[in-house]
Structure formats: C-alpha cells, structure tokens
Amino acid sequence: MIQWLRNSKTAMWILTILRVYLGYQWTLDGWSKITAKGGFDASGLIIGAIKNPVLTPDKTVAFPWYDWFLNFSTNHGKSTAAFSFLVSWGELLVGLGLLFGTLTLAAAFFGLVMNFSYLGAGVVSVNPTFIFIGALLLIGGYNSGKLGLDRWVTPFLRAKLPFLKNDIKI
C-alpha cells in the first residue's frame, strides 16, 4: 500500500484530488478568519479548552500535556493574540501550500499539527477527516505534490540542500 501511494500514477491523481480538496478547505478557513470583521479571536476556544479540558471516562484530564501547554503559552488564557494570529495565517498558508502543491509535505505536517491541537482542545468537527487525508498525503510523499509546484520546487531544493537528496525508502 505504501509503495503504491508513493509510486503509482493512479495514486498520484487520487492524492492530488485529496490534496486540492484539503487545501481548499484550509484556505477557506484561514481566509475567513483573516478577513473576519474585527479579526479572529481564539480566546474563547482557548479559555474554554483550559476551563473544560477533554476528560477520560473516569473524569481525569485526557491530555494533561496539552492542558499544560495551553496554560503556559497563553498565560492561563490571558494572552491569546499570538494563537489567534498563528491559527489564521497557519490555516491560510497550509491551505495554499496544499492547494498549489508547494512544500506539500510540510503543509500536510503542519495541518496535522493544527488538527491534533484542535482535537486536544476538544474540537472534533472535521478534524478526523482532515487527519486521515493529511496522513495519506504524508505517506504518499513526493507523489502527493507531483501534480503541483512541487514538481519543480522539490528537485530545486534537493539540489541546493544536500540533506534532502535522498527519499526515505519504506
């Protein structure tokens, strides 16, 4: 399956369709946050996640490390401006990277980071679907962005940065 995702022309087309779909969704989400009247404010979500963390069935905090991270990085929900900025622009840039097939694997990775962050905060919505598609894109490797700007960007970067020359063999 992995070899097929990484080498098949059929997989390349399927991954491209998934990549463009996911990129479109991320771009819309990011753009709507950036252009929102009054700007995007993540404080409600962050404060909600801090006050009501995700709990296990026995009522203990499911992700104590994420709860600590939110408390530490936002001063217990008092300083959320950086998160608001990062979420808005992160979603837009991940979306554009996926939409145009530029730095596809980096975009998919950072999209997954955001998806898992949202899950850690207790927001399910489309995140499981986005995680599934993002994982397929990562597994597909270079094949995921071959029908995009990565066709030219990846060979250029591999020529300029020696540590990128070899693809991981699975």
N, C-alpha and C. Protein backbone atom coordinates (compact mmCIF):
# COMPACT_ATOMS: atom_id res chain seq x y z
N MET A 1 0.82 -1.20 0.00
CA MET A 1 0.00 0.00 0.00
C MET A 1 0.86 1.26 0.00
N ILE A 2 1.90 1.27 0.84
CA ILE A 2 2.76 2.45 0.91
C ILE A 2 3.49 2.64 -0.41
N GLN A 3 4.02 1.55 -0.95
CA GLN A 3 4.71 1.66 -2.24
C GLN A 3 3.77 2.16 -3.33
N TRP A 4 2.54 1.68 -3.30
CA TRP A 4 1.56 2.11 -4.29
C TRP A 4 1.29 3.61 -4.15
N LEU A 5 1.08 4.09 -2.91
CA LEU A 5 0.84 5.52 -2.70
C LEU A 5 2.02 6.37 -3.16
N ARG A 6 3.23 5.86 -2.98
CA ARG A 6 4.42 6.63 -3.30
C ARG A 6 4.83 6.56 -4.77
N ASN A 7 4.39 5.54 -5.50
CA ASN A 7 4.91 5.34 -6.86
C ASN A 7 3.87 5.26 -7.97
N SER A 8 2.64 5.02 -7.66
CA SER A 8 1.62 4.80 -8.68
C SER A 8 1.10 6.10 -9.27
N LYS A 9 0.88 6.10 -10.58
CA LYS A 9 0.29 7.27 -11.23
C LYS A 9 -1.18 7.42 -10.82
N THR A 10 -1.86 6.32 -10.63
CA THR A 10 -3.24 6.39 -10.16
C THR A 10 -3.29 7.02 -8.77
N ALA A 11 -2.39 6.59 -7.90
CA ALA A 11 -2.31 7.17 -6.55
C ALA A 11 -1.97 8.65 -6.63
N MET A 12 -1.11 9.02 -7.57
CA MET A 12 -0.74 10.43 -7.73
C MET A 12 -1.99 11.28 -8.01
N TRP A 13 -2.87 10.79 -8.86
CA TRP A 13 -4.10 11.52 -9.17
C TRP A 13 -5.05 11.55 -7.98
N ILE A 14 -5.17 10.44 -7.29
CA ILE A 14 -6.05 10.39 -6.11
C ILE A 14 -5.51 11.32 -5.03
N LEU A 15 -4.21 11.28 -4.78
CA LEU A 15 -3.60 12.16 -3.78
C LEU A 15 -3.76 13.62 -4.18
N THR A 16 -3.67 13.91 -5.47
CA THR A 16 -3.85 15.29 -5.93
C THR A 16 -5.26 15.78 -5.65
N ILE A 17 -6.25 14.95 -5.92
CA ILE A 17 -7.64 15.33 -5.64
C ILE A 17 -7.83 15.57 -4.14
N LEU A 18 -7.31 14.67 -3.32
CA LEU A 18 -7.40 14.83 -1.87
C LEU A 18 -6.65 16.08 -1.40
N ARG A 19 -5.47 16.31 -1.98
CA ARG A 19 -4.66 17.47 -1.61
C ARG A 19 -5.37 18.77 -1.94
N VAL A 20 -5.94 18.85 -3.13
CA VAL A 20 -6.64 20.07 -3.55
C VAL A 20 -7.89 20.29 -2.69
N TYR A 21 -8.62 19.23 -2.40
CA TYR A 21 -9.79 19.34 -1.53
C TYR A 21 -9.39 19.87 -0.16
N LEU A 22 -8.39 19.24 0.44
CA LEU A 22 -7.94 19.66 1.77
C LEU A 22 -7.38 21.07 1.74
N GLY A 23 -6.61 21.39 0.71
CA GLY A 23 -6.07 22.74 0.57
C GLY A 23 -7.16 23.79 0.44
N TYR A 24 -8.19 23.47 -0.31
CA TYR A 24 -9.32 24.39 -0.47
C TYR A 24 -9.99 24.65 0.88
N GLN A 25 -10.21 23.58 1.65
CA GLN A 25 -10.85 23.72 2.96
C GLN A 25 -10.01 24.57 3.91
N TRP A 26 -8.71 24.27 3.98
CA TRP A 26 -7.82 25.05 4.85
C TRP A 26 -7.77 26.51 4.40
N THR A 27 -7.68 26.74 3.10
CA THR A 27 -7.61 28.11 2.58
C THR A 27 -8.87 28.88 2.94
N LEU A 28 -10.03 28.28 2.74
CA LEU A 28 -11.28 28.95 3.09
C LEU A 28 -11.34 29.28 4.58
N ASP A 29 -10.96 28.31 5.41
CA ASP A 29 -10.98 28.54 6.86
C ASP A 29 -10.04 29.67 7.27
N GLY A 30 -8.82 29.64 6.74
CA GLY A 30 -7.85 30.67 7.08
C GLY A 30 -8.27 32.04 6.57
N TRP A 31 -8.73 32.08 5.32
CA TRP A 31 -9.12 33.36 4.72
C TRP A 31 -10.30 33.97 5.46
N SER A 32 -11.27 33.14 5.86
CA SER A 32 -12.42 33.67 6.59
C SER A 32 -12.00 34.23 7.95
N LYS A 33 -10.99 33.65 8.56
CA LYS A 33 -10.51 34.17 9.84
C LYS A 33 -9.73 35.48 9.65
N ILE A 34 -8.92 35.55 8.61
CA ILE A 34 -8.11 36.75 8.36
C ILE A 34 -8.99 37.93 7.98
N THR A 35 -10.03 37.68 7.19
CA THR A 35 -10.88 38.77 6.70
C THR A 35 -12.10 39.01 7.58
N ALA A 36 -12.22 38.30 8.69
CA ALA A 36 -13.38 38.47 9.57
C ALA A 36 -13.43 39.90 10.10
N LYS A 37 -14.64 40.43 10.17
CA LYS A 37 -14.82 41.78 10.70
C LYS A 37 -14.38 41.79 12.17
N GLY A 38 -13.46 42.65 12.49
CA GLY A 38 -12.93 42.70 13.84
C GLY A 38 -11.80 41.71 14.09
N GLY A 39 -11.46 40.92 13.09
CA GLY A 39 -10.37 39.95 13.22
C GLY A 39 -10.82 38.68 13.93
N PHE A 40 -9.99 37.68 13.86
CA PHE A 40 -10.27 36.39 14.50
C PHE A 40 -9.71 36.40 15.91
N ASP A 41 -10.49 35.90 16.84
CA ASP A 41 -10.06 35.84 18.23
C ASP A 41 -10.23 34.41 18.75
N ALA A 42 -9.11 33.76 19.04
CA ALA A 42 -9.14 32.38 19.51
C ALA A 42 -9.33 32.27 21.02
N SER A 43 -9.50 33.40 21.69
CA SER A 43 -9.54 33.36 23.15
C SER A 43 -10.70 32.53 23.68
N GLY A 44 -11.86 32.57 23.04
CA GLY A 44 -13.00 31.77 23.51
C GLY A 44 -12.69 30.29 23.50
N LEU A 45 -12.11 29.82 22.41
CA LEU A 45 -11.75 28.41 22.31
C LEU A 45 -10.67 28.05 23.32
N ILE A 46 -9.66 28.90 23.44
CA ILE A 46 -8.54 28.60 24.34
C ILE A 46 -9.00 28.60 25.80
N ILE A 47 -9.77 29.61 26.18
CA ILE A 47 -10.25 29.67 27.56
C ILE A 47 -11.19 28.50 27.84
N GLY A 48 -12.03 28.16 26.85
CA GLY A 48 -12.91 27.00 27.01
C GLY A 48 -12.13 25.71 27.18
N ALA A 49 -11.05 25.56 26.40
CA ALA A 49 -10.23 24.36 26.50
C ALA A 49 -9.48 24.30 27.82
N ILE A 50 -9.11 25.45 28.36
CA ILE A 50 -8.42 25.48 29.65
C ILE A 50 -9.39 25.18 30.79
N LYS A 51 -10.57 25.81 30.75
CA LYS A 51 -11.54 25.62 31.83
C LYS A 51 -12.23 24.25 31.78
N ASN A 52 -12.42 23.73 30.58
CA ASN A 52 -13.11 22.45 30.40
C ASN A 52 -12.27 21.53 29.52
N PRO A 53 -11.16 21.02 30.04
CA PRO A 53 -10.32 20.16 29.21
C PRO A 53 -11.02 18.84 28.86
N VAL A 54 -10.52 18.19 27.84
CA VAL A 54 -11.05 16.89 27.44
C VAL A 54 -10.81 15.91 28.59
N LEU A 55 -11.86 15.19 28.96
CA LEU A 55 -11.76 14.26 30.09
C LEU A 55 -11.91 12.82 29.62
N THR A 56 -11.29 11.93 30.36
CA THR A 56 -11.44 10.49 30.12
C THR A 56 -12.76 10.05 30.77
N PRO A 57 -13.21 8.82 30.53
CA PRO A 57 -14.45 8.35 31.17
C PRO A 57 -14.41 8.40 32.70
N ASP A 58 -13.22 8.28 33.30
CA ASP A 58 -13.14 8.35 34.76
C ASP A 58 -12.87 9.77 35.25
N LYS A 59 -13.14 10.77 34.40
CA LYS A 59 -13.10 12.20 34.75
C LYS A 59 -11.71 12.75 35.07
N THR A 60 -10.67 12.16 34.50
CA THR A 60 -9.34 12.75 34.60
C THR A 60 -9.02 13.43 33.27
N VAL A 61 -8.12 14.39 33.31
CA VAL A 61 -7.76 15.13 32.09
C VAL A 61 -7.10 14.17 31.10
N ALA A 62 -7.64 14.12 29.89
CA ALA A 62 -7.15 13.17 28.88
C ALA A 62 -5.79 13.56 28.33
N PHE A 63 -5.56 14.85 28.16
CA PHE A 63 -4.30 15.33 27.58
C PHE A 63 -3.66 16.35 28.51
N PRO A 64 -3.10 15.92 29.63
CA PRO A 64 -2.54 16.88 30.58
C PRO A 64 -1.41 17.71 29.99
N TRP A 65 -0.64 17.12 29.09
CA TRP A 65 0.45 17.86 28.45
C TRP A 65 -0.11 19.01 27.62
N TYR A 66 -1.25 18.82 26.95
CA TYR A 66 -1.83 19.88 26.12
C TYR A 66 -2.45 20.95 27.01
N ASP A 67 -3.07 20.53 28.09
CA ASP A 67 -3.62 21.48 29.06
C ASP A 67 -2.50 22.36 29.62
N TRP A 68 -1.38 21.72 29.99
CA TRP A 68 -0.23 22.48 30.48
C TRP A 68 0.28 23.44 29.41
N PHE A 69 0.40 22.97 28.18
CA PHE A 69 0.90 23.79 27.08
C PHE A 69 0.03 25.02 26.87
N LEU A 70 -1.29 24.85 26.84
CA LEU A 70 -2.18 26.00 26.66
C LEU A 70 -2.06 26.98 27.82
N ASN A 71 -2.03 26.47 29.04
CA ASN A 71 -1.89 27.35 30.20
C ASN A 71 -0.57 28.11 30.16
N PHE A 72 0.50 27.41 29.87
CA PHE A 72 1.83 28.01 29.85
C PHE A 72 1.98 29.03 28.72
N SER A 73 1.57 28.65 27.52
CA SER A 73 1.82 29.50 26.35
C SER A 73 0.86 30.68 26.24
N THR A 74 -0.26 30.65 26.94
CA THR A 74 -1.21 31.76 26.87
C THR A 74 -1.38 32.47 28.21
N ASN A 75 -0.50 32.20 29.15
CA ASN A 75 -0.60 32.80 30.48
C ASN A 75 -2.00 32.57 31.06
N HIS A 76 -2.40 31.31 31.07
CA HIS A 76 -3.71 30.88 31.59
C HIS A 76 -4.87 31.53 30.85
N GLY A 77 -4.71 31.71 29.53
CA GLY A 77 -5.78 32.25 28.69
C GLY A 77 -5.82 33.76 28.61
N LYS A 78 -4.85 34.43 29.21
CA LYS A 78 -4.85 35.90 29.21
C LYS A 78 -4.17 36.50 27.99
N SER A 79 -3.31 35.74 27.33
CA SER A 79 -2.55 36.25 26.18
C SER A 79 -2.76 35.32 24.99
N THR A 80 -3.82 35.55 24.25
CA THR A 80 -4.17 34.65 23.15
C THR A 80 -3.92 35.26 21.77
N ALA A 81 -3.41 36.47 21.70
CA ALA A 81 -3.23 37.15 20.41
C ALA A 81 -2.31 36.37 19.48
N ALA A 82 -1.23 35.82 20.02
CA ALA A 82 -0.29 35.06 19.18
C ALA A 82 -0.98 33.83 18.59
N PHE A 83 -1.78 33.14 19.39
CA PHE A 83 -2.50 31.98 18.88
C PHE A 83 -3.49 32.39 17.80
N SER A 84 -4.19 33.49 18.00
CA SER A 84 -5.15 33.96 17.00
C SER A 84 -4.45 34.22 15.68
N PHE A 85 -3.30 34.87 15.74
CA PHE A 85 -2.51 35.16 14.54
C PHE A 85 -2.03 33.87 13.88
N LEU A 86 -1.45 32.97 14.69
CA LEU A 86 -0.90 31.73 14.15
C LEU A 86 -1.98 30.83 13.55
N VAL A 87 -3.12 30.76 14.16
CA VAL A 87 -4.21 29.93 13.63
C VAL A 87 -4.68 30.48 12.29
N SER A 88 -4.95 31.78 12.24
CA SER A 88 -5.45 32.39 11.00
C SER A 88 -4.47 32.20 9.85
N TRP A 89 -3.24 32.65 10.06
CA TRP A 89 -2.25 32.59 8.99
C TRP A 89 -1.76 31.18 8.75
N GLY A 90 -1.69 30.37 9.79
CA GLY A 90 -1.30 28.97 9.62
C GLY A 90 -2.28 28.22 8.74
N GLU A 91 -3.57 28.41 8.99
CA GLU A 91 -4.57 27.75 8.16
C GLU A 91 -4.48 28.21 6.71
N LEU A 92 -4.31 29.51 6.50
CA LEU A 92 -4.22 30.02 5.13
C LEU A 92 -2.98 29.48 4.42
N LEU A 93 -1.83 29.51 5.08
CA LEU A 93 -0.60 29.05 4.44
C LEU A 93 -0.59 27.54 4.20
N VAL A 94 -1.11 26.78 5.14
CA VAL A 94 -1.24 25.33 4.93
C VAL A 94 -2.15 25.10 3.73
N GLY A 95 -3.25 25.82 3.68
CA GLY A 95 -4.19 25.66 2.57
C GLY A 95 -3.57 25.99 1.23
N LEU A 96 -2.86 27.11 1.15
CA LEU A 96 -2.23 27.49 -0.12
C LEU A 96 -1.15 26.50 -0.53
N GLY A 97 -0.37 26.03 0.45
CA GLY A 97 0.66 25.04 0.15
C GLY A 97 0.06 23.77 -0.43
N LEU A 98 -1.05 23.32 0.15
CA LEU A 98 -1.71 22.12 -0.35
C LEU A 98 -2.42 22.38 -1.67
N LEU A 99 -3.06 23.51 -1.78
CA LEU A 99 -3.81 23.84 -2.99
C LEU A 99 -2.90 23.90 -4.22
N PHE A 100 -1.76 24.54 -4.06
CA PHE A 100 -0.83 24.69 -5.19
C PHE A 100 0.21 23.58 -5.25
N GLY A 101 0.24 22.71 -4.26
CA GLY A 101 1.22 21.63 -4.26
C GLY A 101 2.63 22.14 -4.06
N THR A 102 2.78 23.14 -3.20
CA THR A 102 4.09 23.71 -2.89
C THR A 102 4.46 23.35 -1.46
N LEU A 103 5.61 22.71 -1.29
CA LEU A 103 6.02 22.22 0.03
C LEU A 103 4.88 21.41 0.65
N THR A 104 4.35 20.52 -0.15
CA THR A 104 3.16 19.74 0.21
C THR A 104 3.34 18.99 1.52
N LEU A 105 4.47 18.34 1.69
CA LEU A 105 4.66 17.53 2.90
C LEU A 105 4.74 18.41 4.14
N ALA A 106 5.40 19.56 4.04
CA ALA A 106 5.45 20.49 5.17
C ALA A 106 4.05 21.01 5.48
N ALA A 107 3.30 21.37 4.44
CA ALA A 107 1.94 21.87 4.65
C ALA A 107 1.06 20.79 5.29
N ALA A 108 1.17 19.56 4.81
CA ALA A 108 0.37 18.47 5.39
C ALA A 108 0.77 18.24 6.85
N PHE A 109 2.07 18.28 7.13
CA PHE A 109 2.54 18.08 8.50
C PHE A 109 1.98 19.15 9.43
N PHE A 110 2.11 20.42 9.05
CA PHE A 110 1.63 21.49 9.92
C PHE A 110 0.10 21.52 10.00
N GLY A 111 -0.56 21.06 8.95
CA GLY A 111 -2.01 20.89 9.03
C GLY A 111 -2.37 19.84 10.07
N LEU A 112 -1.62 18.75 10.09
CA LEU A 112 -1.85 17.71 11.10
C LEU A 112 -1.57 18.23 12.51
N VAL A 113 -0.54 19.05 12.66
CA VAL A 113 -0.25 19.64 13.97
C VAL A 113 -1.46 20.45 14.44
N MET A 114 -2.02 21.26 13.54
CA MET A 114 -3.20 22.04 13.92
C MET A 114 -4.40 21.14 14.21
N ASN A 115 -4.62 20.11 13.39
CA ASN A 115 -5.74 19.20 13.63
C ASN A 115 -5.63 18.53 14.99
N PHE A 116 -4.44 18.05 15.33
CA PHE A 116 -4.28 17.40 16.63
C PHE A 116 -4.40 18.41 17.77
N SER A 117 -4.00 19.65 17.54
CA SER A 117 -4.19 20.69 18.55
C SER A 117 -5.67 20.95 18.79
N TYR A 118 -6.44 21.01 17.71
CA TYR A 118 -7.88 21.22 17.86
C TYR A 118 -8.51 20.04 18.61
N LEU A 119 -8.08 18.82 18.28
CA LEU A 119 -8.60 17.66 19.00
C LEU A 119 -8.23 17.71 20.47
N GLY A 120 -7.01 18.14 20.77
CA GLY A 120 -6.58 18.27 22.15
C GLY A 120 -7.41 19.27 22.92
N ALA A 121 -7.95 20.26 22.20
CA ALA A 121 -8.80 21.27 22.83
C ALA A 121 -10.26 20.82 22.90
N GLY A 122 -10.55 19.64 22.33
CA GLY A 122 -11.90 19.11 22.41
C GLY A 122 -12.78 19.42 21.21
N VAL A 123 -12.19 19.93 20.13
CA VAL A 123 -12.95 20.26 18.93
C VAL A 123 -12.81 19.10 17.95
N VAL A 124 -13.90 18.40 17.70
CA VAL A 124 -13.84 17.25 16.80
C VAL A 124 -14.11 17.70 15.37
N SER A 125 -15.28 18.17 15.05
CA SER A 125 -15.75 18.63 13.74
C SER A 125 -15.12 17.84 12.58
N VAL A 126 -14.39 18.50 11.71
CA VAL A 126 -13.81 17.85 10.52
C VAL A 126 -12.41 17.30 10.78
N ASN A 127 -11.90 17.46 11.97
CA ASN A 127 -10.50 17.10 12.24
C ASN A 127 -10.16 15.63 11.95
N PRO A 128 -10.99 14.66 12.32
CA PRO A 128 -10.63 13.27 11.97
C PRO A 128 -10.50 13.06 10.46
N THR A 129 -11.39 13.67 9.69
CA THR A 129 -11.31 13.55 8.23
C THR A 129 -10.04 14.20 7.71
N PHE A 130 -9.75 15.40 8.21
CA PHE A 130 -8.54 16.11 7.78
C PHE A 130 -7.29 15.33 8.19
N ILE A 131 -7.31 14.70 9.35
CA ILE A 131 -6.16 13.90 9.81
C ILE A 131 -5.96 12.71 8.88
N PHE A 132 -7.03 12.04 8.52
CA PHE A 132 -6.93 10.89 7.61
C PHE A 132 -6.34 11.31 6.27
N ILE A 133 -6.86 12.39 5.69
CA ILE A 133 -6.35 12.85 4.39
C ILE A 133 -4.91 13.32 4.52
N GLY A 134 -4.61 14.08 5.57
CA GLY A 134 -3.24 14.56 5.78
C GLY A 134 -2.25 13.42 5.95
N ALA A 135 -2.66 12.37 6.65
CA ALA A 135 -1.78 11.21 6.82
C ALA A 135 -1.53 10.53 5.48
N LEU A 136 -2.56 10.40 4.65
CA LEU A 136 -2.37 9.82 3.32
C LEU A 136 -1.39 10.66 2.49
N LEU A 137 -1.51 11.98 2.59
CA LEU A 137 -0.60 12.85 1.84
C LEU A 137 0.84 12.68 2.32
N LEU A 138 1.02 12.58 3.63
CA LEU A 138 2.38 12.37 4.16
C LEU A 138 2.94 11.03 3.72
N ILE A 139 2.13 10.00 3.80
CA ILE A 139 2.59 8.67 3.39
C ILE A 139 2.91 8.66 1.90
N GLY A 140 2.11 9.37 1.11
CA GLY A 140 2.34 9.43 -0.33
C GLY A 140 3.62 10.13 -0.72
N GLY A 141 4.19 10.90 0.20
CA GLY A 141 5.47 11.56 -0.05
C GLY A 141 5.43 12.49 -1.25
N TYR A 142 6.48 12.45 -2.04
CA TYR A 142 6.63 13.32 -3.20
C TYR A 142 5.48 13.15 -4.19
N ASN A 143 4.91 11.97 -4.25
CA ASN A 143 3.79 11.69 -5.16
C ASN A 143 2.58 12.58 -4.86
N SER A 144 2.47 13.05 -3.61
CA SER A 144 1.34 13.90 -3.23
C SER A 144 1.39 15.27 -3.87
N GLY A 145 2.57 15.77 -4.15
CA GLY A 145 2.70 17.10 -4.73
C GLY A 145 3.22 17.11 -6.15
N LYS A 146 3.34 15.93 -6.74
CA LYS A 146 3.93 15.83 -8.08
C LYS A 146 3.12 16.59 -9.13
N LEU A 147 1.80 16.61 -8.98
CA LEU A 147 0.96 17.38 -9.89
C LEU A 147 0.69 18.76 -9.29
N GLY A 148 1.76 19.43 -8.96
CA GLY A 148 1.70 20.76 -8.38
C GLY A 148 3.06 21.40 -8.53
N LEU A 149 3.27 22.48 -7.83
CA LEU A 149 4.55 23.18 -7.92
C LEU A 149 5.71 22.39 -7.35
N ASP A 150 5.42 21.37 -6.54
CA ASP A 150 6.49 20.52 -6.01
C ASP A 150 7.25 19.79 -7.12
N ARG A 151 6.65 19.65 -8.28
CA ARG A 151 7.35 19.03 -9.42
C ARG A 151 8.65 19.78 -9.71
N TRP A 152 8.65 21.09 -9.47
CA TRP A 152 9.84 21.91 -9.72
C TRP A 152 10.53 22.32 -8.43
N VAL A 153 9.75 22.58 -7.39
CA VAL A 153 10.32 23.06 -6.12
C VAL A 153 11.16 21.97 -5.45
N THR A 154 10.65 20.75 -5.38
CA THR A 154 11.36 19.68 -4.70
C THR A 154 12.71 19.36 -5.34
N PRO A 155 12.80 19.18 -6.67
CA PRO A 155 14.13 18.94 -7.26
C PRO A 155 15.09 20.11 -7.03
N PHE A 156 14.58 21.33 -7.07
CA PHE A 156 15.42 22.50 -6.81
C PHE A 156 15.96 22.46 -5.38
N LEU A 157 15.09 22.22 -4.41
CA LEU A 157 15.53 22.16 -3.01
C LEU A 157 16.47 21.00 -2.75
N ARG A 158 16.22 19.86 -3.39
CA ARG A 158 17.12 18.71 -3.22
C ARG A 158 18.49 19.00 -3.79
N ALA A 159 18.58 19.78 -4.85
CA ALA A 159 19.87 20.14 -5.43
C ALA A 159 20.62 21.13 -4.54
N LYS A 160 19.89 22.02 -3.88
CA LYS A 160 20.52 23.06 -3.05
C LYS A 160 20.80 22.61 -1.62
N LEU A 161 19.99 21.70 -1.11
CA LEU A 161 20.13 21.26 0.28
C LEU A 161 20.45 19.77 0.31
N PRO A 162 21.72 19.42 0.55
CA PRO A 162 22.17 18.03 0.44
C PRO A 162 21.39 17.04 1.31
N PHE A 163 20.92 17.46 2.48
CA PHE A 163 20.23 16.51 3.35
C PHE A 163 18.85 16.12 2.81
N LEU A 164 18.38 16.78 1.77
CA LEU A 164 17.09 16.43 1.16
C LEU A 164 17.23 15.54 -0.07
N LYS A 165 18.46 15.19 -0.43
CA LYS A 165 18.68 14.48 -1.69
C LYS A 165 18.06 13.09 -1.73
N ASN A 166 18.08 12.39 -0.64
CA ASN A 166 17.59 11.01 -0.64
C ASN A 166 16.19 10.93 -0.06
N ASP A 167 15.33 10.22 -0.77
CA ASP A 167 13.99 9.98 -0.28
C ASP A 167 14.05 8.81 0.71
N ILE A 168 13.16 8.81 1.67
CA ILE A 168 13.12 7.72 2.64
C ILE A 168 12.53 6.49 1.96
N LYS A 169 13.21 5.38 2.05
CA LYS A 169 12.74 4.13 1.45
C LYS A 169 12.00 3.32 2.50
N ILE A 170 10.80 2.90 2.14
CA ILE A 170 10.00 2.10 3.08
C ILE A 170 9.75 0.75 2.46
